[in-house]
Amino acid sequence: MEEVFLRYRLATRLARTLRAWGEPLPLPHLGEALGLKGPVERVVRPLLDGRFVVGEEVGLWEWHYPFPHPGEAVVVLDLETTGLAPGLNEIIEVALVRLEGEKRIPFQSLVRPTRPPSPFIERLTGIRGEMLEDAPPLEAVLERAYPLLSGATLVIQNAPFDLSFLRPALEGMGYRLENPVVDSVRLARRAFRGLKRYGLDALSEVLELPRREAHRALADVERTLAVVHEVYYMLTSGSPRPLVDLGR
């Protein structure tokens, strides 16, 4: 396992230990969480990235200010499609979670395409053709989803791909997607410097996120949200600001 990967994973274990404890801990206690004995400062201190408040004891910045930033609505969005080519392939699932203050609004819907997905896409997504036969058409799904995007910063893993399907679909309905967009891949590259891969599976492995149903839209939204939560505190490091500012 590459050294930088291991460093981020150990740092995340320290953050998880503090969350479970619920209050700041001395460095030696954090060392014990990693199975270390004796003098641990030389090992533990280099692991403490922007998520941590470091003083006589070690705490977490997330205890001091919230994500999302007050006054900012954030929508994490993901699509599943029948392939990689907009205009040729189609959206077969739309999912999002809108966060605004303490409100959390999830949305998920399968979409009935004009042609059934290929066997490869069925295996990749777990979405079988018969599951889509009674699903609503894309226009009906987007009519329900579009209001949830209002005034929000959009967060999308590998945003150019999803937007290449979403924008034309909305424009065909007479809607414009003018929201600011933050690509979680770009944020992760800034926070987790030196990794070889920045796909959602790789980032989930670094953060030891619970395994979820692979390649279903809502599961990927939840994983993206978990990644962005960590990245937000790594990059703000005690200086809270809107997520949209980090994406610039």
Protein backbone atom coordinates (compact mmCIF):
# COMPACT_ATOMS: atom_id res chain seq x y z
CA MET A 1 0.00 0.00 0.00
CA GLU A 2 1.43 3.37 -1.01
CA GLU A 3 2.67 5.51 1.88
CA VAL A 4 0.48 8.52 1.13
CA PHE A 5 -2.62 6.31 0.95
CA LEU A 6 -1.79 4.80 4.34
CA ARG A 7 -1.20 8.24 5.87
CA TYR A 8 -4.64 9.51 4.88
CA ARG A 9 -6.27 6.29 6.03
CA LEU A 10 -4.61 6.50 9.45
CA ALA A 11 -5.62 10.15 9.78
CA THR A 12 -9.21 9.17 9.07
CA ARG A 13 -9.06 6.51 11.76
CA LEU A 14 -7.96 9.19 14.20
CA ALA A 15 -10.90 11.39 13.16
CA ARG A 16 -13.27 8.46 13.58
CA THR A 17 -11.86 7.78 17.05
CA LEU A 18 -12.49 11.38 18.08
CA ARG A 19 -16.05 11.28 16.73
CA ALA A 20 -16.75 8.15 18.71
CA TRP A 21 -15.25 9.70 21.85
CA GLY A 22 -17.09 12.97 21.37
CA GLU A 23 -14.47 15.27 22.88
CA PRO A 24 -10.79 16.21 22.44
CA LEU A 25 -8.16 13.68 23.45
CA PRO A 26 -4.45 13.89 24.29
CA LEU A 27 -2.04 12.69 21.63
CA PRO A 28 -1.08 9.52 23.55
CA HIS A 29 -4.72 8.40 23.56
CA LEU A 30 -4.91 8.87 19.81
CA GLY A 31 -1.74 6.86 19.46
CA GLU A 32 -3.37 4.04 21.37
CA ALA A 33 -6.22 4.10 18.84
CA LEU A 34 -3.64 3.20 16.18
CA GLY A 35 -2.17 0.47 18.37
CA LEU A 36 0.94 2.49 19.22
CA LYS A 37 2.71 2.35 22.55
CA GLY A 38 5.30 4.59 24.14
CA PRO A 39 6.17 8.04 22.68
CA VAL A 40 3.68 8.59 19.86
CA GLU A 41 3.91 12.29 19.03
CA ARG A 42 6.51 11.76 16.31
CA VAL A 43 4.13 9.34 14.57
CA VAL A 44 0.74 10.92 15.24
CA ARG A 45 1.40 14.63 14.79
CA PRO A 46 2.28 14.41 11.05
CA LEU A 47 -1.08 12.70 10.48
CA LEU A 48 -3.09 15.64 11.80
CA ASP A 49 -4.41 17.37 8.68
CA GLY A 50 -6.89 20.24 8.37
CA ARG A 51 -9.69 18.29 10.02
CA PHE A 52 -8.01 18.48 13.41
CA VAL A 53 -7.80 21.21 16.05
CA VAL A 54 -4.36 20.75 17.56
CA GLY A 55 -3.45 22.11 20.98
CA GLU A 56 -2.76 20.49 24.32
CA GLU A 57 -5.42 18.06 23.18
CA VAL A 58 -6.63 17.15 19.70
CA GLY A 59 -10.19 17.82 18.55
CA LEU A 60 -12.10 18.24 15.30
CA TRP A 61 -13.05 21.41 13.49
CA GLU A 62 -16.44 19.92 12.64
CA TRP A 63 -17.34 20.42 16.28
CA HIS A 64 -16.86 24.18 15.84
CA TYR A 65 -18.65 24.97 12.57
CA PRO A 66 -21.12 23.10 10.37
CA PHE A 67 -21.11 21.72 6.88
CA PRO A 68 -22.67 23.08 4.76
CA HIS A 69 -21.75 26.66 5.60
CA PRO A 70 -24.69 28.63 7.10
CA GLY A 71 -26.73 30.18 4.33
CA GLU A 72 -25.47 27.80 1.64
CA ALA A 73 -27.66 25.06 0.25
CA VAL A 74 -25.74 22.10 -1.18
CA VAL A 75 -27.10 19.43 -3.51
CA VAL A 76 -25.05 16.29 -4.11
CA LEU A 77 -26.24 14.68 -7.35
CA ASP A 78 -25.54 11.53 -9.34
CA LEU A 79 -26.90 9.95 -12.51
CA GLU A 80 -26.77 6.45 -13.89
CA THR A 81 -26.83 6.14 -17.67
CA THR A 82 -26.92 3.48 -20.37
CA GLY A 83 -23.46 4.50 -21.59
CA LEU A 84 -20.91 7.27 -21.94
CA ALA A 85 -22.24 9.16 -24.97
CA PRO A 86 -24.75 12.00 -24.41
CA GLY A 87 -27.31 12.09 -27.20
CA LEU A 88 -26.80 8.40 -27.89
CA ASN A 89 -27.13 6.98 -24.39
CA GLU A 90 -29.80 7.81 -21.81
CA ILE A 91 -30.27 8.55 -18.13
CA ILE A 92 -31.80 5.62 -16.23
CA GLU A 93 -31.53 6.89 -12.64
CA VAL A 94 -31.45 10.28 -10.94
CA ALA A 95 -30.57 10.75 -7.27
CA LEU A 96 -29.67 13.68 -5.07
CA VAL A 97 -29.52 14.84 -1.48
CA ARG A 98 -30.21 18.50 -0.68
CA LEU A 99 -28.61 19.89 2.48
CA GLU A 100 -29.69 23.25 3.84
CA GLY A 101 -29.13 24.06 7.49
CA GLU A 102 -30.46 21.06 9.40
CA LYS A 103 -32.72 20.02 6.52
CA ARG A 104 -31.79 16.94 4.53
CA ILE A 105 -33.97 16.10 1.52
CA PRO A 106 -33.19 12.93 -0.47
CA PHE A 107 -34.56 12.21 -3.93
CA GLN A 108 -34.21 9.10 -6.09
CA SER A 109 -36.02 7.78 -9.12
CA LEU A 110 -35.42 5.26 -11.85
CA VAL A 111 -36.06 6.54 -15.38
CA ARG A 112 -37.67 4.67 -18.27
CA PRO A 113 -35.40 4.92 -21.34
CA THR A 114 -36.49 4.55 -24.94
CA ARG A 115 -34.22 1.50 -25.26
CA PRO A 116 -33.38 -1.06 -22.57
CA PRO A 117 -29.89 -1.04 -21.03
CA SER A 118 -27.29 -3.44 -22.35
CA PRO A 119 -26.33 -6.55 -20.36
CA PHE A 120 -23.05 -4.80 -19.47
CA ILE A 121 -24.87 -1.80 -17.98
CA GLU A 122 -27.24 -4.13 -16.14
CA ARG A 123 -24.27 -5.86 -14.54
CA LEU A 124 -22.48 -2.58 -13.79
CA THR A 125 -25.43 -0.78 -12.19
CA GLY A 126 -27.64 -3.61 -11.01
CA ILE A 127 -30.48 -1.89 -12.88
CA ARG A 128 -32.23 -4.46 -15.05
CA GLY A 129 -34.43 -3.63 -17.99
CA GLU A 130 -37.57 -4.95 -16.31
CA MET A 131 -36.98 -2.58 -13.38
CA LEU A 132 -37.37 0.34 -15.78
CA GLU A 133 -40.51 -0.75 -17.59
CA ASP A 134 -42.86 0.98 -15.13
CA ALA A 135 -40.51 3.86 -14.26
CA PRO A 136 -41.52 7.41 -15.22
CA PRO A 137 -39.97 9.06 -18.29
CA LEU A 138 -37.05 11.43 -17.83
CA GLU A 139 -39.13 14.59 -18.20
CA ALA A 140 -41.41 13.56 -15.34
CA VAL A 141 -38.45 12.74 -13.09
CA LEU A 142 -36.68 16.02 -13.79
CA GLU A 143 -39.88 17.99 -13.19
CA ARG A 144 -39.80 16.62 -9.63
CA ALA A 145 -36.05 16.96 -9.15
CA TYR A 146 -35.47 20.41 -10.64
CA PRO A 147 -37.09 22.42 -7.79
CA LEU A 148 -34.70 20.76 -5.33
CA LEU A 149 -31.77 22.31 -7.20
CA SER A 150 -33.02 25.86 -6.65
CA GLY A 151 -30.40 28.20 -5.21
CA ALA A 152 -28.00 25.37 -4.39
CA THR A 153 -24.35 24.65 -5.02
CA LEU A 154 -24.23 21.40 -6.98
CA VAL A 155 -21.65 18.80 -5.95
CA ILE A 156 -20.99 16.07 -8.50
CA GLN A 157 -18.28 13.41 -8.69
CA ASN A 158 -16.69 13.86 -12.14
CA ALA A 159 -19.10 16.69 -12.87
CA PRO A 160 -18.45 17.09 -16.64
CA PHE A 161 -19.87 13.63 -17.31
CA ASP A 162 -23.15 14.06 -15.44
CA LEU A 163 -23.61 17.60 -16.72
CA SER A 164 -23.19 16.43 -20.31
CA PHE A 165 -26.42 14.47 -19.83
CA LEU A 166 -28.26 16.71 -17.38
CA ARG A 167 -27.90 20.11 -19.07
CA PRO A 168 -29.28 19.07 -22.48
CA ALA A 169 -32.15 17.21 -20.82
CA LEU A 170 -33.16 20.27 -18.81
CA GLU A 171 -32.68 22.62 -21.75
CA GLY A 172 -34.98 20.40 -23.81
CA MET A 173 -37.64 21.06 -21.18
CA GLY A 174 -37.06 24.80 -21.25
CA TYR A 175 -34.99 24.92 -18.04
CA ARG A 176 -31.48 26.30 -17.59
CA LEU A 177 -29.01 24.89 -15.11
CA GLU A 178 -27.22 27.96 -13.79
CA ASN A 179 -26.17 26.63 -10.39
CA PRO A 180 -22.53 26.85 -9.37
CA VAL A 181 -20.98 23.40 -9.68
CA VAL A 182 -18.25 21.89 -7.51
CA ASP A 183 -16.52 18.78 -8.85
CA SER A 184 -15.67 16.56 -5.89
CA VAL A 185 -12.78 15.05 -7.88
CA ARG A 186 -11.09 18.46 -8.05
CA LEU A 187 -11.60 19.04 -4.33
CA ALA A 188 -10.22 15.61 -3.52
CA ARG A 189 -7.09 16.27 -5.59
CA ARG A 190 -6.40 19.33 -3.44
CA ALA A 191 -7.10 17.58 -0.15
CA PHE A 192 -5.57 14.15 -0.81
CA ARG A 193 -2.40 15.12 -2.62
CA GLY A 194 -0.29 12.37 -4.09
CA LEU A 195 -2.90 9.64 -4.52
CA LYS A 196 -2.78 7.63 -7.72
CA ARG A 197 -6.56 7.51 -8.20
CA TYR A 198 -9.42 9.86 -7.33
CA GLY A 199 -12.43 7.82 -8.38
CA LEU A 200 -15.21 7.33 -5.87
CA ASP A 201 -14.19 3.76 -5.10
CA ALA A 202 -10.58 4.82 -4.42
CA LEU A 203 -11.61 7.73 -2.19
CA SER A 204 -14.05 5.51 -0.32
CA GLU A 205 -11.22 3.07 0.32
CA VAL A 206 -8.97 5.82 1.67
CA LEU A 207 -11.70 6.96 4.06
CA GLU A 208 -12.78 3.41 4.91
CA LEU A 209 -16.38 4.22 4.11
CA PRO A 210 -18.89 1.41 4.55
CA ARG A 211 -19.34 -0.60 1.39
CA ARG A 212 -22.52 0.45 -0.38
CA GLU A 213 -24.49 -0.87 -3.31
CA ALA A 214 -22.10 -0.17 -6.17
CA HIS A 215 -23.08 2.07 -9.07
CA ARG A 216 -26.57 2.95 -7.93
CA ALA A 217 -27.14 6.67 -7.93
CA LEU A 218 -28.33 7.27 -4.37
CA ALA A 219 -25.58 5.06 -2.92
CA ASP A 220 -23.01 7.05 -4.89
CA VAL A 221 -24.56 10.32 -3.71
CA GLU A 222 -24.15 9.21 -0.09
CA ARG A 223 -20.54 8.19 -0.69
CA THR A 224 -19.78 11.46 -2.46
CA LEU A 225 -21.33 13.38 0.43
CA ALA A 226 -19.17 11.48 2.94
CA VAL A 227 -16.04 12.27 0.91
CA VAL A 228 -16.92 15.95 0.55
CA HIS A 229 -17.61 16.24 4.29
CA GLU A 230 -14.05 15.11 5.04
CA VAL A 231 -12.56 17.23 2.27
CA TYR A 232 -14.43 20.36 3.39
CA TYR A 233 -12.78 20.31 6.81
CA MET A 234 -9.39 19.35 5.41
CA LEU A 235 -9.45 22.41 3.14
CA THR A 236 -11.09 24.94 5.46
CA SER A 237 -9.04 23.94 8.53
CA GLY A 238 -10.64 26.33 10.98
CA SER A 239 -11.56 29.02 8.42
CA PRO A 240 -15.19 28.24 7.54
CA ARG A 241 -16.46 29.38 4.16
CA PRO A 242 -19.01 28.28 1.56
CA LEU A 243 -18.23 25.16 -0.41
CA VAL A 244 -18.68 27.10 -3.63
CA ASP A 245 -15.64 29.20 -2.68
CA LEU A 246 -13.52 26.06 -2.38
CA GLY A 247 -14.55 25.01 -5.87
CA ARG A 248 -13.21 28.14 -7.52
